[in-house]
Amino acid sequence: MIKLSWALIAQHVDEWIGDDTAQGAAVLEARVGAVVDTSGMKPETIQHWRTDFLAPVVESLRTEGTAALARGESWSKAAGPFLACASPAN
């Protein structure tokens, strides 16, 4: 099991627990994307946010995060006002 938690500074905190890092990355991308899309930001700001903050964190989870979790280690990544962390859950 994996516990994945994330925070958008001063905005939103959420978590997901499941068995598969790829599924966790998809959930992270979908849930954070939905928050950003409904934030009231201008479309170009939303795209900037997705490209510069969300995408690097999700990609890191898919690569470095998957490897760390497979070794039984924790993983974390921050980009701008966005932080995500994952750890093995019992």
Protein backbone atom coordinates (compact mmCIF):
# COMPACT_ATOMS: atom_id res chain seq x y z
CA MET A 1 0.00 0.00 0.00
CA ILE A 2 1.04 3.57 -0.73
CA LYS A 3 -0.08 6.73 1.03
CA LEU A 4 0.14 9.79 -1.19
CA SER A 5 -0.50 13.23 0.29
CA TRP A 6 -0.33 16.66 -1.28
CA ALA A 7 -0.85 20.31 -0.48
CA LEU A 8 -1.37 23.47 -2.44
CA ILE A 9 -0.08 26.12 -0.07
CA ALA A 10 -2.95 27.94 1.68
CA GLN A 11 -5.49 26.30 -0.63
CA HIS A 12 -6.02 22.57 -0.50
CA VAL A 13 -4.77 19.38 1.17
CA ASP A 14 -5.71 15.87 0.12
CA GLU A 15 -4.51 12.28 0.21
CA TRP A 16 -4.96 8.96 -1.52
CA ILE A 17 -4.14 5.42 -0.41
CA GLY A 18 -3.76 2.58 -2.87
CA ASP A 19 -1.53 -0.16 -4.25
CA ASP A 20 -0.18 1.29 -7.49
CA THR A 21 2.07 4.34 -7.97
CA ALA A 22 0.83 4.84 -11.55
CA GLN A 23 -2.74 5.03 -10.30
CA GLY A 24 -1.66 7.40 -7.53
CA ALA A 25 0.01 9.68 -10.10
CA ALA A 26 -3.18 9.70 -12.18
CA VAL A 27 -5.28 10.53 -9.11
CA LEU A 28 -2.85 13.27 -8.11
CA GLU A 29 -2.91 14.80 -11.59
CA ALA A 30 -6.72 14.61 -11.83
CA ARG A 31 -7.54 15.96 -8.37
CA VAL A 32 -5.01 18.78 -8.37
CA GLY A 33 -5.90 19.60 -11.97
CA ALA A 34 -9.57 19.91 -10.99
CA VAL A 35 -8.70 22.29 -8.14
CA VAL A 36 -6.57 24.42 -10.44
CA ASP A 37 -9.18 24.40 -13.22
CA THR A 38 -11.88 25.69 -10.86
CA SER A 39 -9.63 28.19 -9.08
CA GLY A 40 -10.76 31.22 -11.05
CA MET A 41 -7.32 31.77 -12.57
CA LYS A 42 -7.00 32.98 -16.13
CA PRO A 43 -6.58 30.16 -18.71
CA GLU A 44 -2.95 31.09 -19.40
CA THR A 45 -2.20 31.02 -15.66
CA ILE A 46 -3.83 27.61 -15.35
CA GLN A 47 -1.68 26.30 -18.20
CA HIS A 48 1.44 27.79 -16.60
CA TRP A 49 0.52 26.18 -13.28
CA ARG A 50 -0.06 22.78 -14.88
CA THR A 51 3.18 22.93 -16.90
CA ASP A 52 5.55 24.37 -14.31
CA PHE A 53 4.21 22.96 -11.03
CA LEU A 54 1.88 20.00 -11.51
CA ALA A 55 3.63 18.19 -14.39
CA PRO A 56 7.11 18.06 -12.78
CA VAL A 57 5.71 16.67 -9.51
CA VAL A 58 3.59 14.04 -11.26
CA GLU A 59 6.51 13.01 -13.49
CA SER A 60 8.80 12.74 -10.47
CA LEU A 61 6.28 10.49 -8.74
CA ARG A 62 6.12 8.27 -11.83
CA THR A 63 9.91 7.93 -11.96
CA GLU A 64 11.83 8.70 -8.76
CA GLY A 65 8.77 8.08 -6.58
CA THR A 66 8.08 4.67 -8.05
CA ALA A 67 11.71 3.62 -7.55
CA ALA A 68 11.86 4.92 -3.96
CA LEU A 69 8.58 3.26 -2.98
CA ALA A 70 9.71 -0.03 -4.53
CA ARG A 71 12.72 0.12 -2.17
CA GLY A 72 10.42 0.79 0.79
CA GLU A 73 11.50 4.44 1.02
CA SER A 74 9.48 7.64 1.08
CA TRP A 75 9.43 10.21 -1.73
CA SER A 76 8.60 13.92 -1.86
CA LYS A 77 8.73 16.70 -4.42
CA ALA A 78 7.84 20.38 -4.35
CA ALA A 79 7.32 22.82 -7.19
CA GLY A 80 6.32 26.37 -6.38
CA PRO A 81 3.34 26.30 -4.02
CA PHE A 82 2.72 22.58 -4.56
CA LEU A 83 4.12 19.74 -2.43
CA ALA A 84 3.48 15.99 -2.70
CA CYS A 85 4.86 13.11 -0.68
CA ALA A 86 4.36 9.36 -0.70
CA SER A 87 5.34 6.60 1.65
CA PRO A 88 4.72 2.91 2.05
CA ALA A 89 1.56 2.37 4.13
CA ASN A 90 0.85 -0.65 6.26
